[in-house]
Amino acid sequence: MHNTVPTSRFVPSERLYYRSFPGESALYDPVSGLPYLLKGTAHEIWLGITGHLTVAQIVAGLQQRHRVEPERCEADVRTLLGKLLQKDLIETDQESQPGTPEVVEYFEEKANPYIDKNS
């Protein structure tokens, strides 16, 4: 799997169309022509990605919300990140500046009414 470190940040691929709704995120890759639907924890991880959180912040938010063991939580996050990277749906964020956004906010069940494709 792609080597992710806790301070790594990922962003959606520039080619990707996506929209988040309460409890799920819909993704469409126009290159492959494939749609993806992320639900549950995968959706929460996606919110962390689009919220510019680091891997460590995503893991911490999930641990707090779901009360899971740190090792299992980190392994699950890395597994999904690996799958998203393999399908070229995300990429490493080379431009992001370190910050401290409120982690829990990204894991709340709420709609994110945007499509991010510079539209």
N, C-alpha and C. Protein backbone atom coordinates (compact mmCIF):
# COMPACT_ATOMS: atom_id res chain seq x y z
N MET A 1 0.82 -1.18 0.00
CA MET A 1 0.00 0.00 0.00
C MET A 1 0.87 1.24 0.00
N HIS A 2 0.33 2.32 -0.50
CA HIS A 2 1.00 3.60 -0.50
C HIS A 2 1.41 3.94 0.92
N ASN A 3 2.61 4.43 1.08
CA ASN A 3 3.11 4.74 2.42
C ASN A 3 2.51 6.05 2.92
N THR A 4 1.58 5.95 3.86
CA THR A 4 0.98 7.14 4.44
C THR A 4 1.54 7.35 5.83
N VAL A 5 1.86 8.57 6.13
CA VAL A 5 2.33 8.91 7.46
C VAL A 5 1.23 9.71 8.14
N PRO A 6 1.23 9.77 9.47
CA PRO A 6 0.14 10.46 10.17
C PRO A 6 -0.08 11.90 9.74
N THR A 7 0.99 12.58 9.27
CA THR A 7 0.83 13.98 8.87
C THR A 7 0.44 14.12 7.40
N SER A 8 0.29 13.02 6.69
CA SER A 8 -0.11 13.08 5.28
C SER A 8 -1.53 13.61 5.16
N ARG A 9 -1.74 14.35 4.10
CA ARG A 9 -3.08 14.81 3.74
C ARG A 9 -3.33 14.36 2.30
N PHE A 10 -4.59 14.07 2.03
CA PHE A 10 -4.97 13.67 0.69
C PHE A 10 -6.09 14.56 0.20
N VAL A 11 -6.18 14.68 -1.11
CA VAL A 11 -7.24 15.48 -1.73
C VAL A 11 -7.87 14.64 -2.83
N PRO A 12 -9.12 14.95 -3.18
CA PRO A 12 -9.73 14.24 -4.30
C PRO A 12 -8.95 14.52 -5.59
N SER A 13 -8.91 13.54 -6.45
CA SER A 13 -8.28 13.72 -7.75
C SER A 13 -8.98 14.85 -8.49
N GLU A 14 -8.23 15.63 -9.26
CA GLU A 14 -8.81 16.76 -9.99
C GLU A 14 -9.89 16.32 -10.96
N ARG A 15 -9.79 15.11 -11.46
CA ARG A 15 -10.76 14.65 -12.46
C ARG A 15 -12.08 14.19 -11.83
N LEU A 16 -12.09 14.00 -10.53
CA LEU A 16 -13.21 13.40 -9.83
C LEU A 16 -14.34 14.39 -9.57
N TYR A 17 -15.57 13.94 -9.78
CA TYR A 17 -16.76 14.68 -9.38
C TYR A 17 -17.29 14.00 -8.12
N TYR A 18 -17.69 14.79 -7.14
CA TYR A 18 -18.21 14.18 -5.93
C TYR A 18 -19.19 15.11 -5.23
N ARG A 19 -20.02 14.51 -4.43
CA ARG A 19 -20.97 15.25 -3.61
C ARG A 19 -21.25 14.44 -2.36
N SER A 20 -21.33 15.11 -1.23
CA SER A 20 -21.61 14.44 0.03
C SER A 20 -23.02 14.78 0.49
N PHE A 21 -23.68 13.80 1.04
CA PHE A 21 -25.03 13.91 1.57
C PHE A 21 -25.00 13.39 3.00
N PRO A 22 -26.07 13.54 3.76
CA PRO A 22 -26.07 12.97 5.10
C PRO A 22 -25.86 11.45 5.03
N GLY A 23 -24.76 10.98 5.60
CA GLY A 23 -24.51 9.55 5.69
C GLY A 23 -23.85 8.89 4.50
N GLU A 24 -23.63 9.63 3.40
CA GLU A 24 -22.99 9.01 2.24
C GLU A 24 -22.38 10.06 1.32
N SER A 25 -21.41 9.61 0.55
CA SER A 25 -20.78 10.46 -0.45
C SER A 25 -20.80 9.73 -1.78
N ALA A 26 -21.19 10.44 -2.83
CA ALA A 26 -21.24 9.89 -4.17
C ALA A 26 -20.05 10.43 -4.96
N LEU A 27 -19.32 9.54 -5.61
CA LEU A 27 -18.16 9.91 -6.40
C LEU A 27 -18.36 9.40 -7.82
N TYR A 28 -17.87 10.16 -8.80
CA TYR A 28 -17.92 9.71 -10.18
C TYR A 28 -16.58 10.00 -10.83
N ASP A 29 -15.98 8.96 -11.40
CA ASP A 29 -14.71 9.07 -12.09
C ASP A 29 -15.00 9.06 -13.59
N PRO A 30 -14.90 10.21 -14.27
CA PRO A 30 -15.21 10.26 -15.69
C PRO A 30 -14.20 9.51 -16.57
N VAL A 31 -13.00 9.28 -16.06
CA VAL A 31 -12.00 8.54 -16.83
C VAL A 31 -12.38 7.07 -16.94
N SER A 32 -12.74 6.46 -15.82
CA SER A 32 -13.13 5.04 -15.83
C SER A 32 -14.61 4.87 -16.13
N GLY A 33 -15.38 5.95 -15.92
CA GLY A 33 -16.82 5.87 -16.09
C GLY A 33 -17.53 5.20 -14.94
N LEU A 34 -16.82 5.02 -13.83
CA LEU A 34 -17.39 4.30 -12.69
C LEU A 34 -17.88 5.23 -11.59
N PRO A 35 -19.06 4.95 -11.04
CA PRO A 35 -19.54 5.66 -9.87
C PRO A 35 -19.15 4.90 -8.61
N TYR A 36 -19.04 5.62 -7.51
CA TYR A 36 -18.73 5.01 -6.22
C TYR A 36 -19.66 5.63 -5.18
N LEU A 37 -20.10 4.82 -4.23
CA LEU A 37 -20.92 5.32 -3.12
C LEU A 37 -20.24 4.92 -1.82
N LEU A 38 -19.85 5.90 -1.05
CA LEU A 38 -19.20 5.66 0.24
C LEU A 38 -20.20 5.89 1.35
N LYS A 39 -20.37 4.89 2.18
CA LYS A 39 -21.31 4.98 3.30
C LYS A 39 -20.59 4.68 4.61
N GLY A 40 -21.22 5.03 5.70
CA GLY A 40 -20.68 4.71 7.02
C GLY A 40 -19.31 5.31 7.25
N THR A 41 -18.41 4.48 7.72
CA THR A 41 -17.06 4.95 8.05
C THR A 41 -16.33 5.44 6.81
N ALA A 42 -16.54 4.81 5.67
CA ALA A 42 -15.89 5.27 4.44
C ALA A 42 -16.32 6.70 4.12
N HIS A 43 -17.58 7.00 4.34
CA HIS A 43 -18.09 8.36 4.13
C HIS A 43 -17.41 9.33 5.11
N GLU A 44 -17.26 8.92 6.35
CA GLU A 44 -16.62 9.77 7.35
C GLU A 44 -15.17 10.05 6.98
N ILE A 45 -14.48 9.03 6.48
CA ILE A 45 -13.10 9.22 6.04
C ILE A 45 -13.06 10.19 4.87
N TRP A 46 -14.00 10.05 3.94
CA TRP A 46 -14.08 10.96 2.79
C TRP A 46 -14.29 12.41 3.27
N LEU A 47 -15.14 12.61 4.27
CA LEU A 47 -15.34 13.96 4.81
C LEU A 47 -14.03 14.50 5.38
N GLY A 48 -13.24 13.63 5.99
CA GLY A 48 -11.94 14.06 6.50
C GLY A 48 -11.00 14.45 5.38
N ILE A 49 -11.02 13.68 4.29
CA ILE A 49 -10.18 13.99 3.13
C ILE A 49 -10.58 15.34 2.55
N THR A 50 -11.88 15.53 2.30
CA THR A 50 -12.33 16.79 1.70
C THR A 50 -12.25 17.95 2.68
N GLY A 51 -12.15 17.65 3.97
CA GLY A 51 -11.98 18.67 5.00
C GLY A 51 -10.53 19.01 5.27
N HIS A 52 -9.62 18.46 4.47
CA HIS A 52 -8.18 18.72 4.57
C HIS A 52 -7.57 18.28 5.89
N LEU A 53 -8.10 17.19 6.45
CA LEU A 53 -7.54 16.65 7.68
C LEU A 53 -6.36 15.75 7.36
N THR A 54 -5.44 15.65 8.30
CA THR A 54 -4.34 14.70 8.15
C THR A 54 -4.87 13.30 8.46
N VAL A 55 -4.08 12.30 8.10
CA VAL A 55 -4.44 10.92 8.41
C VAL A 55 -4.63 10.78 9.93
N ALA A 56 -3.74 11.35 10.70
CA ALA A 56 -3.84 11.27 12.16
C ALA A 56 -5.13 11.92 12.67
N GLN A 57 -5.53 13.03 12.09
CA GLN A 57 -6.76 13.70 12.52
C GLN A 57 -7.99 12.87 12.15
N ILE A 58 -7.96 12.25 10.99
CA ILE A 58 -9.07 11.39 10.59
C ILE A 58 -9.19 10.22 11.56
N VAL A 59 -8.07 9.58 11.84
CA VAL A 59 -8.05 8.44 12.77
C VAL A 59 -8.55 8.87 14.14
N ALA A 60 -8.07 10.01 14.65
CA ALA A 60 -8.48 10.49 15.97
C ALA A 60 -9.99 10.75 16.01
N GLY A 61 -10.52 11.35 14.96
CA GLY A 61 -11.95 11.63 14.92
C GLY A 61 -12.79 10.37 14.92
N LEU A 62 -12.35 9.37 14.15
CA LEU A 62 -13.08 8.10 14.10
C LEU A 62 -12.98 7.36 15.43
N GLN A 63 -11.81 7.38 16.04
CA GLN A 63 -11.64 6.72 17.34
C GLN A 63 -12.57 7.35 18.36
N GLN A 64 -12.65 8.65 18.37
CA GLN A 64 -13.50 9.34 19.34
C GLN A 64 -14.97 9.04 19.08
N ARG A 65 -15.35 9.04 17.83
CA ARG A 65 -16.77 8.85 17.48
C ARG A 65 -17.22 7.41 17.68
N HIS A 66 -16.36 6.45 17.34
CA HIS A 66 -16.78 5.04 17.34
C HIS A 66 -16.18 4.20 18.46
N ARG A 67 -15.28 4.78 19.24
CA ARG A 67 -14.67 4.06 20.36
C ARG A 67 -14.03 2.74 19.93
N VAL A 68 -13.17 2.82 18.91
CA VAL A 68 -12.47 1.63 18.44
C VAL A 68 -11.01 1.70 18.85
N GLU A 69 -10.35 0.57 18.82
CA GLU A 69 -8.94 0.51 19.19
C GLU A 69 -8.11 1.26 18.16
N PRO A 70 -7.10 2.00 18.61
CA PRO A 70 -6.30 2.83 17.70
C PRO A 70 -5.68 2.05 16.54
N GLU A 71 -5.14 0.87 16.81
CA GLU A 71 -4.48 0.10 15.76
C GLU A 71 -5.47 -0.33 14.68
N ARG A 72 -6.64 -0.78 15.11
CA ARG A 72 -7.65 -1.21 14.14
C ARG A 72 -8.16 -0.03 13.33
N CYS A 73 -8.40 1.08 14.01
CA CYS A 73 -8.90 2.27 13.33
C CYS A 73 -7.89 2.75 12.28
N GLU A 74 -6.63 2.85 12.67
CA GLU A 74 -5.61 3.30 11.74
C GLU A 74 -5.47 2.34 10.56
N ALA A 75 -5.53 1.05 10.82
CA ALA A 75 -5.44 0.05 9.75
C ALA A 75 -6.60 0.19 8.77
N ASP A 76 -7.81 0.41 9.29
CA ASP A 76 -8.98 0.56 8.43
C ASP A 76 -8.89 1.82 7.58
N VAL A 77 -8.43 2.91 8.18
CA VAL A 77 -8.27 4.16 7.43
C VAL A 77 -7.23 3.97 6.33
N ARG A 78 -6.11 3.37 6.67
CA ARG A 78 -5.05 3.15 5.67
C ARG A 78 -5.52 2.22 4.55
N THR A 79 -6.35 1.24 4.88
CA THR A 79 -6.88 0.33 3.86
C THR A 79 -7.73 1.09 2.86
N LEU A 80 -8.65 1.93 3.36
CA LEU A 80 -9.49 2.70 2.44
C LEU A 80 -8.65 3.69 1.64
N LEU A 81 -7.72 4.38 2.29
CA LEU A 81 -6.86 5.31 1.56
C LEU A 81 -6.11 4.59 0.45
N GLY A 82 -5.63 3.38 0.75
CA GLY A 82 -4.92 2.60 -0.27
C GLY A 82 -5.81 2.27 -1.46
N LYS A 83 -7.06 1.91 -1.19
CA LYS A 83 -7.99 1.60 -2.28
C LYS A 83 -8.30 2.84 -3.11
N LEU A 84 -8.51 3.97 -2.44
CA LEU A 84 -8.79 5.22 -3.15
C LEU A 84 -7.59 5.65 -3.99
N LEU A 85 -6.39 5.49 -3.43
CA LEU A 85 -5.18 5.83 -4.18
C LEU A 85 -4.99 4.90 -5.38
N GLN A 86 -5.24 3.62 -5.19
CA GLN A 86 -5.08 2.64 -6.26
C GLN A 86 -6.00 2.95 -7.44
N LYS A 87 -7.19 3.46 -7.15
CA LYS A 87 -8.16 3.79 -8.20
C LYS A 87 -7.98 5.23 -8.70
N ASP A 88 -6.95 5.92 -8.20
CA ASP A 88 -6.67 7.31 -8.57
C ASP A 88 -7.83 8.26 -8.25
N LEU A 89 -8.53 7.97 -7.15
CA LEU A 89 -9.63 8.84 -6.73
C LEU A 89 -9.14 9.93 -5.78
N ILE A 90 -7.98 9.71 -5.16
CA ILE A 90 -7.34 10.71 -4.31
C ILE A 90 -5.87 10.78 -4.66
N GLU A 91 -5.23 11.84 -4.22
CA GLU A 91 -3.79 11.99 -4.39
C GLU A 91 -3.23 12.71 -3.18
N THR A 92 -1.93 12.63 -3.00
CA THR A 92 -1.29 13.31 -1.89
C THR A 92 -1.41 14.81 -2.07
N ASP A 93 -1.76 15.50 -1.01
CA ASP A 93 -1.90 16.96 -1.05
C ASP A 93 -0.52 17.58 -0.88
N GLN A 94 0.01 18.10 -1.95
CA GLN A 94 1.35 18.69 -1.92
C GLN A 94 1.34 20.15 -1.49
N GLU A 95 0.17 20.80 -1.54
CA GLU A 95 0.10 22.23 -1.28
C GLU A 95 -0.47 22.60 0.07
N SER A 96 -1.01 21.65 0.79
CA SER A 96 -1.70 21.94 2.04
C SER A 96 -0.74 22.44 3.10
N GLN A 97 -1.16 23.46 3.79
CA GLN A 97 -0.40 23.99 4.92
C GLN A 97 -0.92 23.34 6.19
N PRO A 98 -0.03 23.02 7.13
CA PRO A 98 -0.49 22.43 8.39
C PRO A 98 -1.49 23.35 9.07
N GLY A 99 -2.51 22.76 9.62
CA GLY A 99 -3.51 23.53 10.32
C GLY A 99 -4.14 22.68 11.41
N THR A 100 -5.04 23.24 12.14
CA THR A 100 -5.70 22.49 13.19
C THR A 100 -7.20 22.68 13.10
N PRO A 101 -7.82 22.17 12.01
CA PRO A 101 -9.28 22.29 11.93
C PRO A 101 -9.94 21.44 13.01
N GLU A 102 -11.14 21.78 13.35
CA GLU A 102 -11.90 21.02 14.35
C GLU A 102 -12.23 19.66 13.79
N VAL A 103 -11.64 18.62 14.34
CA VAL A 103 -11.76 17.27 13.80
C VAL A 103 -13.18 16.73 13.87
N VAL A 104 -13.82 16.82 14.99
CA VAL A 104 -15.12 16.20 15.18
C VAL A 104 -16.16 16.76 14.21
N GLU A 105 -16.02 18.01 13.86
CA GLU A 105 -16.96 18.67 12.95
C GLU A 105 -17.11 17.91 11.64
N TYR A 106 -16.05 17.31 11.14
CA TYR A 106 -16.09 16.62 9.87
C TYR A 106 -16.76 15.26 9.95
N PHE A 107 -17.02 14.80 11.12
CA PHE A 107 -17.60 13.48 11.28
C PHE A 107 -19.06 13.54 11.72
N GLU A 108 -19.63 14.71 11.75
CA GLU A 108 -21.03 14.84 12.10
C GLU A 108 -21.88 14.44 10.91
N GLU A 109 -23.06 13.93 11.19
CA GLU A 109 -23.98 13.56 10.13
C GLU A 109 -24.68 14.82 9.63
N LYS A 110 -24.14 15.38 8.55
CA LYS A 110 -24.73 16.58 7.99
C LYS A 110 -24.48 16.59 6.49
N ALA A 111 -25.28 17.32 5.78
CA ALA A 111 -25.11 17.44 4.34
C ALA A 111 -23.96 18.39 4.03
N ASN A 112 -23.25 18.10 2.98
CA ASN A 112 -22.22 18.98 2.46
C ASN A 112 -22.63 19.34 1.05
N PRO A 113 -23.40 20.41 0.89
CA PRO A 113 -24.01 20.71 -0.40
C PRO A 113 -23.05 21.35 -1.40
N TYR A 114 -22.05 20.58 -1.81
CA TYR A 114 -21.15 21.10 -2.82
C TYR A 114 -20.69 19.99 -3.75
N ILE A 115 -20.39 20.39 -4.92
CA ILE A 115 -19.72 19.51 -5.88
C ILE A 115 -18.40 20.19 -6.14
N ASP A 116 -17.32 19.50 -5.86
CA ASP A 116 -16.02 20.11 -5.99
C ASP A 116 -15.38 19.69 -7.31
N LYS A 117 -15.51 20.52 -8.27
CA LYS A 117 -14.85 20.31 -9.56
C LYS A 117 -14.63 21.69 -10.18
N ASN A 118 -14.39 22.66 -9.29
CA ASN A 118 -14.21 24.04 -9.72
C ASN A 118 -15.36 24.48 -10.60
N SER A 119 -16.57 24.08 -10.21
CA SER A 119 -17.74 24.40 -11.02
C SER A 119 -18.35 25.72 -10.65
